[in-house]
């Protein structure tokens, strides 16, 4: 069975490392290991690159394989 998780409100500075800490805590709370991870859907913000770089090291996964770009965001930029 698959689940989609929502993240708690980001408190403090909106940086990639802070995002990664919040996501890491959620993954640990739900005991989600790299074998159970799906995909991260993000826009092109550099903070998302930083976040996924951090998480890829911490959870030993290939960032290029686990990251999907948000099609709606890209279409909005084109329009």
Protein backbone atom coordinates (compact mmCIF):
# COMPACT_ATOMS: atom_id res chain seq x y z
CA UNK A 1 0.00 0.00 0.00
CA UNK A 2 1.29 3.49 -0.87
CA UNK A 3 0.82 6.65 1.16
CA UNK A 4 1.48 10.30 0.47
CA UNK A 5 2.79 12.25 3.46
CA UNK A 6 2.38 15.93 4.11
CA UNK A 7 5.13 17.85 5.87
CA UNK A 8 4.75 20.06 8.92
CA UNK A 9 5.00 23.83 8.55
CA UNK A 10 8.57 24.95 8.00
CA UNK A 11 9.68 27.08 10.93
CA UNK A 12 12.77 29.22 10.72
CA UNK A 13 14.79 29.96 7.63
CA UNK A 14 13.65 28.37 4.38
CA UNK A 15 16.90 26.68 3.43
CA UNK A 16 17.68 23.34 1.88
CA UNK A 17 19.26 22.02 5.07
CA UNK A 18 16.22 23.01 7.16
CA UNK A 19 13.92 21.35 4.63
CA UNK A 20 16.07 18.23 4.75
CA UNK A 21 15.94 18.08 8.56
CA UNK A 22 12.14 18.28 8.55
CA UNK A 23 11.83 15.61 5.86
CA UNK A 24 14.40 13.42 7.59
CA UNK A 25 12.46 13.63 10.86
CA UNK A 26 9.22 12.66 9.10
CA UNK A 27 10.91 9.70 7.38
CA UNK A 28 12.41 8.55 10.68
CA UNK A 29 9.09 9.00 12.54
CA UNK A 30 7.33 6.73 10.05
CA UNK A 31 10.33 4.37 9.88
CA UNK A 32 10.68 4.86 6.14
CA UNK A 33 13.92 3.42 4.79
CA UNK A 34 15.51 4.06 1.40
CA UNK A 35 13.95 0.84 0.09
CA UNK A 36 10.49 2.30 0.79
CA UNK A 37 11.11 5.80 -0.56
CA UNK A 38 9.26 6.93 -3.65
CA UNK A 39 9.99 10.15 -5.47
CA UNK A 40 10.52 13.76 -4.46
CA UNK A 41 8.53 16.18 -6.63
CA UNK A 42 10.03 19.65 -6.53
CA UNK A 43 10.44 22.80 -8.57
CA UNK A 44 13.84 24.07 -9.73
CA UNK A 45 14.73 26.10 -6.62
CA UNK A 46 18.33 25.69 -5.48
CA UNK A 47 17.10 25.00 -1.94
CA UNK A 48 15.50 21.80 -3.24
CA UNK A 49 18.84 20.73 -4.77
CA UNK A 50 20.54 21.32 -1.43
CA UNK A 51 17.79 19.44 0.42
CA UNK A 52 17.96 16.41 -1.85
CA UNK A 53 21.78 16.39 -1.83
CA UNK A 54 21.62 16.15 1.97
CA UNK A 55 18.89 13.49 1.99
CA UNK A 56 20.63 11.43 -0.72
CA UNK A 57 23.73 11.16 1.46
CA UNK A 58 21.81 10.54 4.68
CA UNK A 59 19.54 7.85 3.21
CA UNK A 60 21.98 6.51 0.56
CA UNK A 61 19.93 7.00 -2.60
CA UNK A 62 20.58 8.37 -6.07
CA UNK A 63 19.14 11.89 -6.23
CA UNK A 64 18.86 11.87 -10.02
CA UNK A 65 16.66 8.76 -9.88
CA UNK A 66 14.43 9.92 -6.99
CA UNK A 67 13.71 13.48 -8.11
CA UNK A 68 10.84 14.43 -10.40
CA UNK A 69 10.19 17.98 -11.56
CA UNK A 70 6.76 19.49 -11.03
CA UNK A 71 5.16 19.66 -14.48
CA UNK A 72 2.63 22.33 -13.43
CA UNK A 73 5.39 24.61 -12.22
CA UNK A 74 7.35 24.18 -15.45
CA UNK A 75 4.24 24.86 -17.58
CA UNK A 76 3.56 27.98 -15.53
CA UNK A 77 7.07 29.24 -16.26
CA UNK A 78 6.61 28.61 -19.97
CA UNK A 79 3.27 30.41 -20.06
